Amino acid sequence: MDRNLQAELLALARKSIESYFDGTELLLPDTDLRRGAFVTLRKNGDLRGCIGYLEPVAPLYRQIFMLARDAAFNDIRFNPLTKDELASCKIEISILTPPVFILSLEDFILSKHGIVMEKGGRRAVFLPQVAEETGWSKSELLSALSRKAGLFSDAWKAPDASFKVFEVESFEE
C-alpha cells in the first residue's frame, strides 16, 4: 500500500472521530478496495481501543471510518473516548491479508502472523503486533488467546481447536 493511501486512511480515521464530536458529515471517497482491517488507538503508548474485521464488510474507506469510531467509542474494554483525550491518542491501522487455515501450529510464525483461534463456538484474534508488544513465547500467546476466547488457558491444545493465520501491513501516525 503506497504512502499516500496510508496517509489518507490515517487522516480519515482521525477525522472520523473528530466528526463524531462536532457532528460534521464526511464525504468518503468511492473505492472498490476491500480488505480486512483493524484500527487501534493508543494513549501515551497504552492501548485505548482496538476494533477490526478479519474480512471486509465495506469498501476500505467506509470500513476505516466505522472502525475508527468503534475503537474510540465502542470497545467494551474501555470507556468511550473523550474529546480531550483524542489529542493524546495515536492511531494505527492494520490492513489484513485474507486469513487461511493452518493444519499445524508449526505453520504459525510469531510476530509475522496474526492468529485466529476457534473452539466450541468461541473465537479470539491477536494481531501480529501483540507478540512483539508483550514479548510472549508462542505457547504464552496461545494461552492468552485461549483466555481471550473465554476458554481455559490450555484450550489451544485441544484437537477440536482450529486456527487461521494472516499477515498485516500496519502504519501509524
C-alpha atoms as a PDB file:
ATOM      1  CA  MET A   1       0.000   0.000   0.000  1.00  0.00           C
ATOM      2  CA  ASP A   2       1.538   3.290  -1.030  1.00  0.00           C
ATOM      3  CA  ARG A   3       2.336   6.041   1.468  1.00  0.00           C
ATOM      4  CA  ASN A   4      -0.282   8.415   0.063  1.00  0.00           C
ATOM      5  CA  LEU A   5      -3.061   5.903   0.687  1.00  0.00           C
ATOM      6  CA  GLN A   6      -1.692   5.195   4.164  1.00  0.00           C
ATOM      7  CA  ALA A   7      -1.711   8.922   4.958  1.00  0.00           C
ATOM      8  CA  GLU A   8      -5.250   9.293   3.582  1.00  0.00           C
ATOM      9  CA  LEU A   9      -6.530   6.409   5.716  1.00  0.00           C
ATOM     10  CA  LEU A  10      -4.864   7.729   8.887  1.00  0.00           C
ATOM     11  CA  ALA A  11      -6.300  11.214   8.263  1.00  0.00           C
ATOM     12  CA  LEU A  12      -9.722   9.679   7.627  1.00  0.00           C
ATOM     13  CA  ALA A  13      -9.589   7.705  10.884  1.00  0.00           C
ATOM     14  CA  ARG A  14      -8.808  10.841  12.889  1.00  0.00           C
ATOM     15  CA  LYS A  15     -11.447  12.915  11.034  1.00  0.00           C
ATOM     16  CA  SER A  16     -13.989  10.176  11.684  1.00  0.00           C
ATOM     17  CA  ILE A  17     -13.511  10.523  15.437  1.00  0.00           C
ATOM     18  CA  GLU A  18     -13.371  14.338  15.295  1.00  0.00           C
ATOM     19  CA  SER A  19     -16.575  14.481  13.252  1.00  0.00           C
ATOM     20  CA  TYR A  20     -18.325  12.382  15.896  1.00  0.00           C
ATOM     21  CA  PHE A  21     -17.595  15.102  18.453  1.00  0.00           C
ATOM     22  CA  ASP A  22     -18.547  18.081  16.288  1.00  0.00           C
ATOM     23  CA  GLY A  23     -21.375  16.453  14.305  1.00  0.00           C
ATOM     24  CA  THR A  24     -19.972  17.191  10.858  1.00  0.00           C
ATOM     25  CA  GLU A  25     -20.540  14.912   7.866  1.00  0.00           C
ATOM     26  CA  LEU A  26     -17.636  13.411   5.958  1.00  0.00           C
ATOM     27  CA  LEU A  27     -17.658  12.687   2.259  1.00  0.00           C
ATOM     28  CA  LEU A  28     -15.889   9.351   1.777  1.00  0.00           C
ATOM     29  CA  PRO A  29     -14.021   8.522  -1.418  1.00  0.00           C
ATOM     30  CA  ASP A  30     -15.631   5.824  -3.513  1.00  0.00           C
ATOM     31  CA  THR A  31     -13.475   2.739  -3.989  1.00  0.00           C
ATOM     32  CA  ASP A  32     -13.838  -0.946  -4.705  1.00  0.00           C
ATOM     33  CA  LEU A  33     -10.837  -1.770  -2.499  1.00  0.00           C
ATOM     34  CA  ARG A  34     -11.890  -4.225   0.203  1.00  0.00           C
ATOM     35  CA  ARG A  35      -9.667  -5.747   2.875  1.00  0.00           C
ATOM     36  CA  GLY A  36      -9.979  -6.881   6.453  1.00  0.00           C
ATOM     37  CA  ALA A  37      -8.713  -4.149   8.769  1.00  0.00           C
ATOM     38  CA  PHE A  38      -8.236  -3.079  12.392  1.00  0.00           C
ATOM     39  CA  VAL A  39      -7.965   0.403  13.879  1.00  0.00           C
ATOM     40  CA  THR A  40      -6.013   0.701  17.122  1.00  0.00           C
ATOM     41  CA  LEU A  41      -5.885   3.740  19.403  1.00  0.00           C
ATOM     42  CA  ARG A  42      -3.024   4.223  21.836  1.00  0.00           C
ATOM     43  CA  LYS A  43      -2.922   6.894  24.518  1.00  0.00           C
ATOM     44  CA  ASN A  44       0.578   7.592  25.834  1.00  0.00           C
ATOM     45  CA  GLY A  45       1.645   4.246  24.383  1.00  0.00           C
ATOM     46  CA  ASP A  46      -1.103   2.255  26.134  1.00  0.00           C
ATOM     47  CA  LEU A  47      -3.937   0.524  24.319  1.00  0.00           C
ATOM     48  CA  ARG A  48      -7.051   2.737  24.359  1.00  0.00           C
ATOM     49  CA  GLY A  49      -9.216   0.891  21.845  1.00  0.00           C
ATOM     50  CA  CYS A  50      -8.960  -1.643  19.052  1.00  0.00           C
ATOM     51  CA  ILE A  51     -11.699  -2.906  16.757  1.00  0.00           C
ATOM     52  CA  GLY A  52     -11.488  -4.700  13.456  1.00  0.00           C
ATOM     53  CA  TYR A  53     -12.823  -7.166  10.948  1.00  0.00           C
ATOM     54  CA  LEU A  54     -10.946 -10.170   9.608  1.00  0.00           C
ATOM     55  CA  GLU A  55     -12.918  -9.992   6.390  1.00  0.00           C
ATOM     56  CA  PRO A  56     -14.029  -6.809   4.637  1.00  0.00           C
ATOM     57  CA  VAL A  57     -17.547  -5.631   5.472  1.00  0.00           C
ATOM     58  CA  ALA A  58     -17.480  -2.457   3.365  1.00  0.00           C
ATOM     59  CA  PRO A  59     -15.199  -0.616   0.943  1.00  0.00           C
ATOM     60  CA  LEU A  60     -11.939   0.229   2.718  1.00  0.00           C
ATOM     61  CA  TYR A  61     -12.561   3.946   3.307  1.00  0.00           C
ATOM     62  CA  ARG A  62     -16.015   3.306   4.803  1.00  0.00           C
ATOM     63  CA  GLN A  63     -14.639   0.440   6.884  1.00  0.00           C
ATOM     64  CA  ILE A  64     -11.816   2.586   8.333  1.00  0.00           C
ATOM     65  CA  PHE A  65     -14.354   5.342   9.085  1.00  0.00           C
ATOM     66  CA  MET A  66     -16.535   2.856  11.028  1.00  0.00           C
ATOM     67  CA  LEU A  67     -13.641   1.095  12.776  1.00  0.00           C
ATOM     68  CA  ALA A  68     -12.085   4.352  13.996  1.00  0.00           C
ATOM     69  CA  ARG A  69     -15.356   5.317  15.643  1.00  0.00           C
ATOM     70  CA  ASP A  70     -15.859   1.837  17.059  1.00  0.00           C
ATOM     71  CA  ALA A  71     -12.331   1.763  18.506  1.00  0.00           C
ATOM     72  CA  ALA A  72     -12.925   5.181  20.085  1.00  0.00           C
ATOM     73  CA  PHE A  73     -16.433   4.689  21.391  1.00  0.00           C
ATOM     74  CA  ASN A  74     -17.486   1.025  21.326  1.00  0.00           C
ATOM     75  CA  ASP A  75     -14.560  -1.080  22.555  1.00  0.00           C
ATOM     76  CA  ILE A  76     -16.200  -2.621  25.625  1.00  0.00           C
ATOM     77  CA  ARG A  77     -12.857  -2.841  27.434  1.00  0.00           C
ATOM     78  CA  PHE A  78     -12.718   0.956  27.720  1.00  0.00           C
ATOM     79  CA  ASN A  79     -14.932   3.939  28.455  1.00  0.00           C
ATOM     80  CA  PRO A  80     -15.803   5.957  25.359  1.00  0.00           C
ATOM     81  CA  LEU A  81     -13.017   8.311  24.291  1.00  0.00           C
ATOM     82  CA  THR A  82     -13.464  11.914  25.363  1.00  0.00           C
ATOM     83  CA  LYS A  83     -12.772  14.893  23.138  1.00  0.00           C
ATOM     84  CA  ASP A  84      -9.896  15.935  25.422  1.00  0.00           C
ATOM     85  CA  GLU A  85      -8.218  12.526  25.086  1.00  0.00           C
ATOM     86  CA  LEU A  86      -8.152  12.498  21.295  1.00  0.00           C
ATOM     87  CA  ALA A  87      -5.156  14.851  21.026  1.00  0.00           C
ATOM     88  CA  SER A  88      -3.021  12.446  23.071  1.00  0.00           C
ATOM     89  CA  CYS A  89      -4.034   9.370  21.045  1.00  0.00           C
ATOM     90  CA  LYS A  90      -2.109   7.892  18.154  1.00  0.00           C
ATOM     91  CA  ILE A  91      -3.936   5.903  15.524  1.00  0.00           C
ATOM     92  CA  GLU A  92      -2.620   2.707  13.963  1.00  0.00           C
ATOM     93  CA  ILE A  93      -4.265   0.969  11.024  1.00  0.00           C
ATOM     94  CA  SER A  94      -3.641  -2.673  10.181  1.00  0.00           C
ATOM     95  CA  ILE A  95      -4.678  -3.949   6.748  1.00  0.00           C
ATOM     96  CA  LEU A  96      -5.011  -7.738   6.663  1.00  0.00           C
ATOM     97  CA  THR A  97      -4.391 -10.439   4.136  1.00  0.00           C
ATOM     98  CA  PRO A  98      -7.247 -12.961   3.966  1.00  0.00           C
ATOM     99  CA  PRO A  99      -6.968 -15.457   6.868  1.00  0.00           C
ATOM    100  CA  VAL A 100      -6.059 -19.024   5.881  1.00  0.00           C
ATOM    101  CA  PHE A 101      -6.500 -22.229   7.860  1.00  0.00           C
ATOM    102  CA  ILE A 102      -3.367 -23.945   9.106  1.00  0.00           C
ATOM    103  CA  LEU A 103      -3.166 -27.634   9.932  1.00  0.00           C
ATOM    104  CA  SER A 104      -0.291 -27.305  12.381  1.00  0.00           C
ATOM    105  CA  LEU A 105       0.747 -24.584  14.794  1.00  0.00           C
ATOM    106  CA  GLU A 106       4.243 -25.042  13.388  1.00  0.00           C
ATOM    107  CA  ASP A 107       2.910 -23.008  10.444  1.00  0.00           C
ATOM    108  CA  PHE A 108       2.197 -20.073  12.784  1.00  0.00           C
ATOM    109  CA  ILE A 109       5.181 -17.711  12.848  1.00  0.00           C
ATOM    110  CA  LEU A 110       5.254 -15.496  15.930  1.00  0.00           C
ATOM    111  CA  SER A 111       5.388 -11.739  15.156  1.00  0.00           C
ATOM    112  CA  LYS A 112       4.845 -12.407  11.427  1.00  0.00           C
ATOM    113  CA  HIS A 113       1.337 -13.830  11.572  1.00  0.00           C
ATOM    114  CA  GLY A 114      -1.824 -12.717  13.251  1.00  0.00           C
ATOM    115  CA  ILE A 115      -3.818 -15.668  14.534  1.00  0.00           C
ATOM    116  CA  VAL A 116      -7.464 -16.614  14.907  1.00  0.00           C
ATOM    117  CA  MET A 117      -8.474 -19.450  17.212  1.00  0.00           C
ATOM    118  CA  GLU A 118     -11.904 -21.073  17.088  1.00  0.00           C
ATOM    119  CA  LYS A 119     -13.149 -23.699  19.521  1.00  0.00           C
ATOM    120  CA  GLY A 120     -16.590 -24.646  20.752  1.00  0.00           C
ATOM    121  CA  GLY A 121     -18.311 -21.684  19.118  1.00  0.00           C
ATOM    122  CA  ARG A 122     -15.845 -19.200  20.602  1.00  0.00           C
ATOM    123  CA  ARG A 123     -13.290 -17.176  18.724  1.00  0.00           C
ATOM    124  CA  ALA A 124     -10.406 -14.839  19.526  1.00  0.00           C
ATOM    125  CA  VAL A 125      -7.902 -12.906  17.440  1.00  0.00           C
ATOM    126  CA  PHE A 126      -4.471 -11.412  18.024  1.00  0.00           C
ATOM    127  CA  LEU A 127      -2.706  -9.176  15.528  1.00  0.00           C
ATOM    128  CA  PRO A 128       0.997  -9.973  14.966  1.00  0.00           C
ATOM    129  CA  GLN A 129       1.899  -6.830  16.924  1.00  0.00           C
ATOM    130  CA  VAL A 130       0.680  -8.484  20.151  1.00  0.00           C
ATOM    131  CA  ALA A 131       3.646 -10.872  20.192  1.00  0.00           C
ATOM    132  CA  GLU A 132       6.085  -8.017  19.670  1.00  0.00           C
ATOM    133  CA  GLU A 133       4.490  -5.782  22.310  1.00  0.00           C
ATOM    134  CA  THR A 134       4.184  -8.448  25.004  1.00  0.00           C
ATOM    135  CA  GLY A 135       7.322 -10.485  24.351  1.00  0.00           C
ATOM    136  CA  TRP A 136       5.280 -13.664  24.823  1.00  0.00           C
ATOM    137  CA  SER A 137       6.507 -17.012  23.599  1.00  0.00           C
ATOM    138  CA  LYS A 138       4.277 -18.914  21.176  1.00  0.00           C
ATOM    139  CA  SER A 139       2.748 -21.006  23.979  1.00  0.00           C
ATOM    140  CA  GLU A 140       2.191 -17.909  26.164  1.00  0.00           C
ATOM    141  CA  LEU A 141       0.457 -16.147  23.285  1.00  0.00           C
ATOM    142  CA  LEU A 142      -1.742 -19.173  22.545  1.00  0.00           C
ATOM    143  CA  SER A 143      -2.680 -19.459  26.232  1.00  0.00           C
ATOM    144  CA  ALA A 144      -3.623 -15.773  26.300  1.00  0.00           C
ATOM    145  CA  LEU A 145      -5.582 -16.241  23.057  1.00  0.00           C
ATOM    146  CA  SER A 146      -7.487 -19.112  24.678  1.00  0.00           C
ATOM    147  CA  ARG A 147      -8.355 -16.942  27.681  1.00  0.00           C
ATOM    148  CA  LYS A 148      -9.399 -14.094  25.378  1.00  0.00           C
ATOM    149  CA  ALA A 149     -11.861 -16.532  23.784  1.00  0.00           C
ATOM    150  CA  GLY A 150     -13.278 -17.228  27.255  1.00  0.00           C
ATOM    151  CA  LEU A 151     -11.696 -20.676  27.465  1.00  0.00           C
ATOM    152  CA  PHE A 152      -9.149 -22.344  29.718  1.00  0.00           C
ATOM    153  CA  SER A 153      -5.517 -21.448  29.098  1.00  0.00           C
ATOM    154  CA  ASP A 154      -4.701 -24.786  27.535  1.00  0.00           C
ATOM    155  CA  ALA A 155      -7.723 -24.879  25.203  1.00  0.00           C
ATOM    156  CA  TRP A 156      -5.420 -24.228  22.251  1.00  0.00           C
ATOM    157  CA  LYS A 157      -4.019 -27.741  22.699  1.00  0.00           C
ATOM    158  CA  ALA A 158      -7.414 -29.426  22.182  1.00  0.00           C
ATOM    159  CA  PRO A 159      -7.859 -31.416  18.967  1.00  0.00           C
ATOM    160  CA  ASP A 160     -11.036 -29.504  18.076  1.00  0.00           C
ATOM    161  CA  ALA A 161      -9.323 -26.097  18.234  1.00  0.00           C
ATOM    162  CA  SER A 162      -8.803 -24.652  14.763  1.00  0.00           C
ATOM    163  CA  PHE A 163      -6.528 -21.847  13.650  1.00  0.00           C
ATOM    164  CA  LYS A 164      -6.202 -19.352  10.843  1.00  0.00           C
ATOM    165  CA  VAL A 165      -3.264 -17.041  10.229  1.00  0.00           C
ATOM    166  CA  PHE A 166      -2.960 -13.769   8.365  1.00  0.00           C
ATOM    167  CA  GLU A 167      -0.388 -11.067   7.776  1.00  0.00           C
ATOM    168  CA  VAL A 168      -0.811  -7.337   8.215  1.00  0.00           C
ATOM    169  CA  GLU A 169       0.523  -4.142   6.793  1.00  0.00           C
ATOM    170  CA  SER A 170       0.361  -1.692   9.655  1.00  0.00           C
ATOM    171  CA  PHE A 171       1.069   2.009   9.736  1.00  0.00           C
ATOM    172  CA  GLU A 172       0.536   4.709  12.318  1.00  0.00           C
ATOM    173  CA  GLU A 173       0.539   8.431  12.804  1.00  0.00           C
END
